[in-house]
Each structure stands twice: as C-alpha cells, then as structure tokens.
Amino acid sequence: MITIDYLPHARPIEYWRLTSHFLNGIKPENKKKIKINILATNDEPWLDYLDPDIAAQVIIFPYNGNYLAKANLASKDENPYSVKLDEDCFMNSHVWDYMIENIHILDDPDTLLISPLVSTNIPLVDQFIESYIEDVEVKEQLYSLFKNRYMPNNLWGVDYTSLNKHTVDAEKWDSEAYYKGVADINHYYRGIHPVRISVEAQLLLSEYVLNTMDKFLDKQEYSLKEFNRPYFTNNIFAFKTENWRKILELPNDGFDEVPLSEYKNAHNKKCYYIDNGFCVHPMYNTVFGYNPEFNIGMNNGLQKEIEIVNQFVQKIL
C-alpha cells in the first residue's frame, strides 16, 4: 500500500478540488493501492471532493509551524511507501497511475525517490522545459531569463554570487555547468536556481501550460530516468516511508528539504524522474512579495498564484 500525504496549509479549497479531481481519475485497481492522509490546517469538507472508493482520513493541525508535525506523523505510517504531496502541485491521473504502478522501483535499497517532471522544480525545471515546451521562442525566453538572473549575496544567509559565472557572466545558459557550480557551494542551502527567484520565468511557465492544456492532460509515453543533482526541492515525490523517518532524524530548519538532500548525498542514493510525467508547480513563495534588496518577487504574489490555479480549475473542472 501507498500512503499519499497531502499537506494543505492556508490556500483555498480550489487547490484540493484540482488535486482530488486527478486522484479520482486514476484506475480503479490503483485506487485500491492507496490511502490518503489529508494533513490539514483548515477544517474544510475535504472528503466531499474525493471518490469514496479511495481510503482517506483528515487530521487537523494547529496553524503555526506545523509542517514538521505533519511530516513526523506521516513518517510513522505503517505502509511501506509514501508520497509527499504539497498543496500547490498538480499532475494528471495518467502520471499518478504510472507512479503507483512503478512504486516497486523503490524496493532497490540504492534508490531514494521517484518524482514527476515538475514545471519549476529544482533540479528538474530544465528537463521540464526540454520535454514539455515545443515553442522554440518560449524556450529561448526562459533560458534568457535564467542567464540574465543575477545570483545574490546573503539570500537565506548564503553567498550565491559564485553562480553568476553561469548566469549574467556566461555567454549562454548551461544547466549542467550551473549545477556543478551549485555543488561547490559550501552551504546546505543549495536549493537555488534562477527559476526560484525569477517571477517572470515562473509566470511564463504557468502561462505556457495553460495554453497547451491538451498536452498537460493527455497520456504520454512515460519512462523513468535517473538524475543526480546536489539538491532536490521536494514538492511532490514518492519514497520509502522508512527513509522519511531516517531523514527526519537529521538536523533541519523546520522543513525536510535540506535533510532529504543531505541524506541523498551522504548515502549516494539514486533518484528518478518520470520523463513526460508533467506536473505543475505554479510559483515559489520566494517570490511572494517584492524584495528590493535582491530585486526578487512581486507584490501580491500569493494572490497571483491563486489566480493561476483558478485558471487551471476553470479549464479542467
């Protein structure tokens, strides 16, 4: 059995309407293989949106600082496989089916996780662009945004200026060279990529998916491909529940993104993404609000993300 741990916090119920729609659409035989823990902050009619054939429960947590409490509870689940699912990630039923049907890949002790191909994920954004975006001009625009993004000093207390040789000081965007530079940063906050601090790139990616909805919703030819990067932003992925427990034993900053990456690197674990397994993550909260010191973000960033998700809801539901 697989436990899908859905982690909503304070965003509107429309996010869950979209996610539950895709979960409701998976194959009947795969519904029998999953259980959903809705680890919520707000008391909403969560189960009203979910197919009753899917086993599910709702657990409400106090509002402030509850992420690790949710993760710790999820890691104690009796099922051998877990999927961590943030509230702002959306992938279609076909990708869900493929992930469920290939969960056995995680039985290899050298394998840590399986991830869909998430639109703004670090480190998979470049693979998403190459696999999903067919418009050459849009690709070039995105890579131009990455190349021309100045990498700041003292963001999250880290000096990222050494990465400018791969962005503003480079002749062209080269993701392979960029990640070699990230690996050389002597700090555990390596979850940095121009997309995370470029509101323009995030909006362009979401706009493109909204305008190519058939491709996003259609079943594709899927396969698993290994990736090896120094850091993984863990919006949505599958892994062994026992590994979640081990990861949460490591030092953390109130979240498990850093210890996940540190665990992967320390134990040389393999990670896989689902090629053509497209998933949308519209925006990072890094760009919620304008930060003049680093020229990052936009005013009313969260409201913009809500507008984008509502556009997906209108097109899909």
Protein backbone atom coordinates (compact mmCIF):
# COMPACT_ATOMS: atom_id res chain seq x y z
CA MET A 1 0.00 0.00 0.00
CA ILE A 2 0.98 3.58 -0.68
CA THR A 3 0.09 6.47 1.60
CA ILE A 4 -0.29 9.82 -0.13
CA ASP A 5 0.33 12.56 2.41
CA TYR A 6 -1.39 15.71 1.20
CA LEU A 7 -0.11 18.80 3.04
CA PRO A 8 -2.52 21.72 2.65
CA HIS A 9 -1.90 24.81 4.73
CA ALA A 10 -3.69 28.07 4.01
CA ARG A 11 -4.52 28.10 0.33
CA PRO A 12 -8.12 27.99 -0.99
CA ILE A 13 -10.08 24.75 -1.39
CA GLU A 14 -9.81 25.10 -5.19
CA TYR A 15 -6.29 23.64 -4.93
CA TRP A 16 -7.72 20.46 -3.43
CA ARG A 17 -10.57 20.40 -5.93
CA LEU A 18 -7.96 20.15 -8.69
CA THR A 19 -5.80 17.57 -6.91
CA SER A 20 -8.75 15.40 -5.89
CA HIS A 21 -10.09 15.52 -9.46
CA PHE A 22 -6.90 13.88 -10.72
CA LEU A 23 -6.81 11.35 -7.87
CA ASN A 24 -10.43 10.45 -8.58
CA GLY A 25 -9.47 9.75 -12.18
CA ILE A 26 -6.86 7.05 -11.55
CA LYS A 27 -7.59 3.44 -12.48
CA PRO A 28 -9.98 1.55 -10.14
CA GLU A 29 -7.33 -1.06 -9.40
CA ASN A 30 -4.87 1.66 -8.39
CA LYS A 31 -7.37 3.27 -6.03
CA LYS A 32 -7.18 0.06 -4.03
CA LYS A 33 -3.42 0.51 -3.64
CA ILE A 34 -3.52 3.94 -1.98
CA LYS A 35 -4.58 5.66 1.20
CA ILE A 36 -4.70 9.45 1.50
CA ASN A 37 -3.81 11.34 4.65
CA ILE A 38 -5.06 14.91 4.40
CA LEU A 39 -2.86 16.64 6.97
CA ALA A 40 -4.70 19.92 7.04
CA THR A 41 -4.50 23.23 8.80
CA ASN A 42 -8.04 24.38 7.99
CA ASP A 43 -11.23 22.43 8.60
CA GLU A 44 -12.76 22.03 5.15
CA PRO A 45 -15.08 19.40 3.63
CA TRP A 46 -12.05 17.63 2.19
CA LEU A 47 -13.60 14.19 1.80
CA ASP A 48 -16.63 15.55 -0.08
CA TYR A 49 -14.39 16.02 -3.13
CA LEU A 50 -12.82 12.57 -3.02
CA ASP A 51 -14.09 9.32 -4.54
CA PRO A 52 -15.40 7.24 -1.60
CA ASP A 53 -13.61 4.22 -3.09
CA ILE A 54 -10.32 5.85 -2.04
CA ALA A 55 -9.40 5.26 1.59
CA ALA A 56 -8.77 8.61 3.26
CA GLN A 57 -8.67 10.42 6.57
CA VAL A 58 -8.36 14.06 7.64
CA ILE A 59 -6.19 15.22 10.52
CA ILE A 60 -6.24 18.89 11.55
CA PHE A 61 -3.11 20.54 12.92
CA PRO A 62 -2.61 23.86 14.76
CA TYR A 63 -1.91 26.75 12.39
CA ASN A 64 1.60 27.89 13.26
CA GLY A 65 4.78 25.95 12.46
CA ASN A 66 3.01 22.68 11.78
CA TYR A 67 4.99 21.35 8.84
CA LEU A 68 7.35 19.09 10.78
CA ALA A 69 4.49 17.87 12.96
CA LYS A 70 2.70 16.76 9.79
CA ALA A 71 5.84 15.15 8.38
CA ASN A 72 6.62 13.32 11.59
CA LEU A 73 3.13 11.88 11.79
CA ALA A 74 3.26 10.86 8.12
CA SER A 75 6.62 9.14 8.59
CA LYS A 76 5.13 6.85 11.21
CA ASP A 77 2.62 5.38 8.76
CA GLU A 78 2.53 1.59 8.57
CA ASN A 79 2.50 1.49 4.75
CA PRO A 80 5.90 0.88 3.15
CA TYR A 81 5.60 3.63 0.52
CA SER A 82 4.76 7.30 0.93
CA VAL A 83 4.10 10.17 -1.45
CA LYS A 84 4.71 13.65 -0.13
CA LEU A 85 2.28 15.96 -1.92
CA ASP A 86 2.29 19.71 -1.37
CA GLU A 87 -0.96 21.56 -1.93
CA ASP A 88 0.40 23.57 -4.89
CA CYS A 89 1.42 20.67 -7.16
CA PHE A 90 -0.89 19.25 -9.83
CA MET A 91 -0.38 16.26 -12.12
CA ASN A 92 -2.87 14.32 -14.17
CA SER A 93 -4.35 10.90 -13.46
CA HIS A 94 -2.14 9.13 -16.01
CA VAL A 95 1.03 10.25 -14.21
CA TRP A 96 -0.47 9.16 -10.90
CA ASP A 97 -1.19 5.74 -12.39
CA TYR A 98 2.36 5.41 -13.70
CA MET A 99 3.88 6.37 -10.34
CA ILE A 100 1.65 3.93 -8.46
CA GLU A 101 2.32 1.09 -10.91
CA ASN A 102 6.09 1.61 -10.73
CA ILE A 103 6.42 2.13 -6.99
CA HIS A 104 8.38 -1.13 -6.74
CA ILE A 105 11.41 0.75 -8.12
CA LEU A 106 11.83 1.99 -4.56
CA ASP A 107 12.49 -1.56 -3.34
CA ASP A 108 16.05 -1.15 -4.60
CA PRO A 109 17.91 -0.06 -1.42
CA ASP A 110 20.09 2.25 -3.51
CA THR A 111 17.05 4.22 -4.74
CA LEU A 112 15.67 7.13 -2.74
CA LEU A 113 12.81 8.65 -4.70
CA ILE A 114 10.63 8.95 -7.80
CA SER A 115 9.44 12.37 -8.89
CA PRO A 116 7.20 13.63 -11.67
CA LEU A 117 8.65 16.24 -14.01
CA VAL A 118 7.65 19.38 -12.13
CA SER A 119 7.48 22.67 -14.01
CA THR A 120 9.54 24.77 -11.58
CA ASN A 121 11.26 22.05 -9.59
CA ILE A 122 14.92 22.24 -8.69
CA PRO A 123 16.70 20.44 -10.34
CA LEU A 124 14.15 19.28 -12.94
CA VAL A 125 12.93 22.57 -14.41
CA ASP A 126 15.35 22.34 -17.34
CA GLN A 127 14.19 18.80 -18.15
CA PHE A 128 10.59 20.01 -17.97
CA ILE A 129 11.33 22.78 -20.44
CA GLU A 130 13.02 20.41 -22.88
CA SER A 131 10.27 17.77 -22.64
CA TYR A 132 7.19 19.95 -22.47
CA ILE A 133 7.81 23.20 -24.30
CA GLU A 134 7.70 22.91 -28.09
CA ASP A 135 7.79 26.64 -28.87
CA VAL A 136 11.44 27.49 -29.52
CA GLU A 137 10.90 31.17 -28.77
CA VAL A 138 9.45 30.39 -25.34
CA LYS A 139 12.39 28.10 -24.58
CA GLU A 140 14.82 30.82 -25.57
CA GLN A 141 12.95 33.36 -23.48
CA LEU A 142 13.13 31.13 -20.41
CA TYR A 143 16.81 30.39 -20.87
CA SER A 144 17.42 34.10 -21.35
CA LEU A 145 15.66 34.80 -18.06
CA PHE A 146 17.87 32.20 -16.35
CA LYS A 147 21.06 33.53 -17.91
CA ASN A 148 20.28 37.15 -17.02
CA ARG A 149 19.25 36.49 -13.42
CA TYR A 150 21.82 37.93 -11.01
CA MET A 151 22.52 35.45 -8.21
CA PRO A 152 22.56 37.37 -4.93
CA ASN A 153 24.68 37.51 -1.82
CA ASN A 154 23.08 36.85 1.59
CA LEU A 155 19.82 35.39 0.32
CA TRP A 156 18.89 32.96 3.15
CA GLY A 157 22.27 33.89 4.61
CA VAL A 158 24.19 32.39 1.70
CA ASP A 159 26.54 33.98 -0.85
CA TYR A 160 25.40 32.75 -4.27
CA THR A 161 27.45 35.22 -6.30
CA SER A 162 29.87 32.49 -7.44
CA LEU A 163 26.99 31.24 -9.62
CA ASN A 164 26.98 34.44 -11.66
CA LYS A 165 29.70 32.95 -13.86
CA HIS A 166 26.93 30.60 -15.04
CA THR A 167 24.28 33.33 -15.37
CA VAL A 168 25.00 37.01 -16.02
CA ASP A 169 28.69 36.44 -16.80
CA ALA A 170 28.10 33.44 -19.09
CA GLU A 171 27.73 33.51 -22.84
CA LYS A 172 24.69 31.22 -22.69
CA TRP A 173 22.64 29.23 -20.20
CA ASP A 174 24.17 25.81 -19.46
CA SER A 175 22.32 23.89 -16.75
CA GLU A 176 24.99 21.19 -16.46
CA ALA A 177 27.69 23.75 -15.74
CA TYR A 178 25.34 25.61 -13.41
CA TYR A 179 24.72 22.58 -11.20
CA LYS A 180 28.42 21.87 -10.96
CA GLY A 181 28.66 25.37 -9.55
CA VAL A 182 25.84 24.67 -7.09
CA ALA A 183 27.62 21.54 -5.88
CA ASP A 184 30.64 23.69 -4.99
CA ILE A 185 28.67 25.97 -2.67
CA ASN A 186 29.81 25.30 0.89
CA HIS A 187 26.37 25.51 2.47
CA TYR A 188 23.40 23.20 2.91
CA TYR A 189 21.04 25.71 1.25
CA ARG A 190 21.75 24.61 -2.30
CA GLY A 191 18.14 24.86 -3.47
CA ILE A 192 18.94 27.75 -5.75
CA HIS A 193 18.18 28.09 -9.45
CA PRO A 194 17.27 31.23 -11.41
CA VAL A 195 13.69 29.95 -11.71
CA ARG A 196 13.22 30.11 -7.93
CA ILE A 197 13.93 33.83 -7.85
CA SER A 198 12.53 34.78 -11.26
CA VAL A 199 8.85 35.59 -11.06
CA GLU A 200 8.91 36.21 -14.80
CA ALA A 201 10.07 32.66 -15.53
CA GLN A 202 7.53 31.13 -13.16
CA LEU A 203 4.68 33.08 -14.73
CA LEU A 204 5.83 32.24 -18.25
CA LEU A 205 5.96 28.51 -17.46
CA SER A 206 2.45 28.52 -16.00
CA GLU A 207 1.10 30.58 -18.87
CA TYR A 208 2.55 28.16 -21.41
CA VAL A 209 0.99 25.13 -19.71
CA LEU A 210 -2.37 26.90 -19.50
CA ASN A 211 -2.20 27.50 -23.25
CA THR A 212 -1.27 23.87 -24.02
CA MET A 213 -3.77 22.11 -21.80
CA ASP A 214 -4.25 19.13 -24.12
CA LYS A 215 -0.60 18.16 -23.75
CA PHE A 216 -0.75 18.57 -19.98
CA LEU A 217 -3.84 16.36 -19.67
CA ASP A 218 -3.12 13.73 -22.32
CA LYS A 219 -1.46 10.41 -21.59
CA GLN A 220 2.18 10.43 -22.70
CA GLU A 221 4.88 7.83 -23.24
CA TYR A 222 6.40 7.56 -19.77
CA SER A 223 9.73 6.20 -18.62
CA LEU A 224 11.96 6.52 -15.58
CA LYS A 225 15.21 8.42 -15.92
CA GLU A 226 17.87 8.79 -13.27
CA PHE A 227 19.10 12.23 -12.22
CA ASN A 228 21.94 13.21 -9.95
CA ARG A 229 21.97 16.75 -8.60
CA PRO A 230 23.22 18.27 -5.34
CA TYR A 231 19.77 19.39 -4.18
CA PHE A 232 16.10 18.47 -4.61
CA THR A 233 13.14 20.73 -3.80
CA ASN A 234 10.69 18.19 -2.51
CA ASN A 235 7.27 19.46 -3.61
CA ILE A 236 6.00 16.05 -4.69
CA PHE A 237 7.73 12.67 -4.82
CA ALA A 238 7.44 9.02 -3.73
CA PHE A 239 9.84 7.25 -1.39
CA LYS A 240 10.01 4.51 1.22
CA THR A 241 8.35 5.52 4.47
CA GLU A 242 11.28 4.18 6.46
CA ASN A 243 13.58 6.61 4.63
CA TRP A 244 11.32 9.50 5.64
CA ARG A 245 11.86 8.52 9.26
CA LYS A 246 15.63 8.45 8.77
CA ILE A 247 15.59 11.83 7.03
CA LEU A 248 13.61 13.46 9.83
CA GLU A 249 16.24 12.35 12.35
CA LEU A 250 18.73 14.71 10.68
CA PRO A 251 19.17 18.40 11.57
CA ASN A 252 16.59 20.61 9.89
CA ASP A 253 15.34 24.18 9.65
CA GLY A 254 11.69 23.38 10.31
CA PHE A 255 11.29 21.61 6.97
CA ASP A 256 12.70 18.41 5.48
CA GLU A 257 14.00 19.72 2.15
CA VAL A 258 17.56 20.18 3.41
CA PRO A 259 17.88 16.84 5.25
CA LEU A 260 16.41 15.00 2.25
CA SER A 261 19.16 16.36 0.02
CA GLU A 262 21.83 15.81 2.66
CA TYR A 263 20.68 12.19 3.13
CA LYS A 264 20.69 11.58 -0.62
CA ASN A 265 24.22 12.97 -0.99
CA ALA A 266 25.66 11.27 2.10
CA HIS A 267 24.40 7.84 1.05
CA ASN A 268 24.85 8.30 -2.71
CA LYS A 269 21.21 7.40 -3.35
CA LYS A 270 19.70 7.21 -6.81
CA CYS A 271 16.79 9.45 -7.80
CA TYR A 272 14.44 9.06 -10.76
CA TYR A 273 12.03 11.33 -12.56
CA ILE A 274 9.12 10.29 -14.75
CA ASP A 275 10.01 11.51 -18.21
CA ASN A 276 6.94 13.18 -19.77
CA GLY A 277 5.24 12.86 -16.37
CA PHE A 278 4.31 16.52 -16.27
CA CYS A 279 3.33 18.28 -13.06
CA VAL A 280 2.63 21.97 -12.47
CA HIS A 281 4.00 23.90 -9.51
CA PRO A 282 2.96 27.47 -10.37
CA MET A 283 5.10 29.63 -8.09
CA TYR A 284 7.59 29.60 -5.23
CA ASN A 285 6.78 31.55 -2.09
CA THR A 286 10.25 33.04 -2.56
CA VAL A 287 8.57 35.49 -4.94
CA PHE A 288 5.57 36.26 -2.71
CA GLY A 289 6.18 39.94 -2.02
CA TYR A 290 8.79 42.21 -3.58
CA ASN A 291 12.26 42.21 -2.02
CA PRO A 292 14.08 45.35 -3.22
CA GLU A 293 17.42 44.26 -1.74
CA PHE A 294 17.64 41.36 -4.19
CA ASN A 295 15.13 42.57 -6.80
CA ILE A 296 13.15 39.38 -6.29
CA GLY A 297 9.40 38.78 -6.28
CA MET A 298 6.21 40.69 -6.82
CA ASN A 299 3.61 42.35 -4.69
CA ASN A 300 0.53 40.17 -4.21
CA GLY A 301 2.48 37.09 -5.33
CA LEU A 302 0.25 34.66 -3.47
CA GLN A 303 -2.85 36.26 -4.98
CA LYS A 304 -1.29 35.84 -8.43
CA GLU A 305 -0.70 32.15 -7.75
CA ILE A 306 -4.33 31.75 -6.66
CA GLU A 307 -5.44 33.40 -9.91
CA ILE A 308 -3.30 30.94 -11.90
CA VAL A 309 -4.71 27.93 -10.05
CA ASN A 310 -8.23 29.23 -10.61
CA GLN A 311 -7.46 29.36 -14.33
CA PHE A 312 -6.45 25.68 -14.21
CA VAL A 313 -9.65 24.89 -12.32
CA GLN A 314 -11.76 26.67 -14.93
CA LYS A 315 -10.05 24.83 -17.80
CA ILE A 316 -10.08 21.37 -16.22
CA LEU A 317 -13.12 21.02 -13.94
